[in-house]
Amino acid sequence: MKIDEIMERCALKHTGRGIAYIKDALNEMNYLSETHVKTARMDIKSGKRFYELPNEAVKITDIRCKNHNNADNSYQSIPRSIYKPETEDSDGI
């Protein structure tokens, strides 16, 4: 669809205003949706506590674990802790 077709549908007479509205709409869609999302899978090893994250990881959106608080072998999100844990860490970290 071309700009003049969009302007006809919206009854706009000024091209500059129509382009500004289109740019605003594209920016709003960009804010609402995640782009360039990659999925990385890691195996959890017994006794290992810290794992290396990929260098290109800027934001972690979700961490899921299989068999976490359920018995049907499905992946569930691990809730994020936003408060300081009540029990002290045994490693002191």
Protein backbone atom coordinates (compact mmCIF):
# COMPACT_ATOMS: atom_id res chain seq x y z
CA MET A 1 0.00 0.00 0.00
CA LYS A 2 1.32 3.43 -0.91
CA ILE A 3 1.26 6.58 1.20
CA ASP A 4 -1.34 8.27 -1.00
CA GLU A 5 -3.68 5.27 -0.57
CA ILE A 6 -3.32 5.47 3.21
CA MET A 7 -3.94 9.22 3.09
CA GLU A 8 -7.11 8.69 1.02
CA ARG A 9 -8.46 6.15 3.53
CA CYS A 10 -7.74 8.50 6.47
CA ALA A 11 -8.91 11.65 4.64
CA LEU A 12 -5.55 13.39 5.11
CA LYS A 13 -4.60 16.25 2.83
CA HIS A 14 -1.02 16.90 3.99
CA THR A 15 1.67 14.40 2.97
CA GLY A 16 4.01 15.40 5.80
CA ARG A 17 1.38 14.67 8.43
CA GLY A 18 0.58 11.29 6.83
CA ILE A 19 4.25 10.28 6.82
CA ALA A 20 4.60 11.39 10.45
CA TYR A 21 1.60 9.24 11.43
CA ILE A 22 3.06 6.22 9.61
CA LYS A 23 6.44 6.66 11.32
CA ASP A 24 4.73 6.98 14.71
CA ALA A 25 2.77 3.79 14.05
CA LEU A 26 5.92 1.88 13.07
CA ASN A 27 7.72 3.07 16.21
CA GLU A 28 4.76 2.04 18.37
CA MET A 29 4.72 -1.45 16.80
CA ASN A 30 8.46 -1.73 17.44
CA TYR A 31 7.99 -0.89 21.14
CA LEU A 32 5.24 -3.48 21.56
CA SER A 33 6.92 -6.43 19.88
CA GLU A 34 10.28 -8.07 20.55
CA THR A 35 12.63 -8.25 17.59
CA HIS A 36 15.79 -10.24 17.00
CA VAL A 37 14.85 -12.87 19.58
CA LYS A 38 16.99 -16.01 19.70
CA THR A 39 16.46 -19.17 21.71
CA ALA A 40 19.38 -20.84 23.46
CA ARG A 41 19.16 -24.19 25.20
CA MET A 42 21.44 -25.31 28.01
CA ASP A 43 21.58 -28.58 29.89
CA ILE A 44 21.50 -28.35 33.66
CA LYS A 45 24.24 -30.40 35.32
CA SER A 46 24.07 -31.81 38.82
CA GLY A 47 26.13 -29.80 41.29
CA LYS A 48 26.80 -26.95 38.86
CA ARG A 49 25.44 -23.63 40.01
CA PHE A 50 26.72 -20.95 37.62
CA TYR A 51 26.44 -21.09 33.84
CA GLU A 52 28.05 -18.99 31.11
CA LEU A 53 25.63 -16.88 29.11
CA PRO A 54 26.22 -16.05 25.43
CA ASN A 55 28.00 -12.73 24.86
CA GLU A 56 25.26 -11.51 22.51
CA ALA A 57 22.58 -11.89 25.22
CA VAL A 58 21.35 -8.37 25.93
CA LYS A 59 18.05 -9.20 27.59
CA ILE A 60 16.73 -12.48 28.96
CA THR A 61 12.98 -12.63 28.44
CA ASP A 62 12.18 -16.07 29.87
CA ILE A 63 13.82 -19.07 31.51
CA ARG A 64 12.00 -22.39 31.35
CA CYS A 65 12.73 -25.69 33.02
CA LYS A 66 11.32 -29.13 32.29
CA ASN A 67 9.50 -30.85 35.18
CA HIS A 68 9.60 -27.68 37.30
CA ASN A 69 6.77 -27.99 39.87
CA ASN A 70 4.83 -30.41 37.68
CA ALA A 71 4.80 -34.07 36.73
CA ASP A 72 3.74 -34.06 33.09
CA ASN A 73 7.17 -33.43 31.45
CA SER A 74 6.28 -29.96 30.23
CA TYR A 75 8.37 -26.82 30.22
CA GLN A 76 7.28 -24.09 32.64
CA SER A 77 8.69 -20.63 33.25
CA ILE A 78 10.74 -20.18 36.39
CA PRO A 79 9.43 -17.14 38.29
CA ARG A 80 11.78 -14.20 38.69
CA SER A 81 12.69 -13.15 42.18
CA ILE A 82 12.44 -9.40 42.62
CA TYR A 83 13.14 -9.34 46.35
CA LYS A 84 16.21 -10.36 48.33
CA PRO A 85 15.93 -14.07 49.29
CA GLU A 86 14.91 -14.72 52.89
CA THR A 87 17.39 -17.59 53.31
CA GLU A 88 21.07 -16.71 53.08
CA ASP A 89 23.16 -18.24 50.33
CA SER A 90 25.49 -21.00 51.50
CA ASP A 91 28.24 -19.77 49.15
CA GLY A 92 27.97 -16.22 50.46
CA ILE A 93 27.41 -14.80 46.97
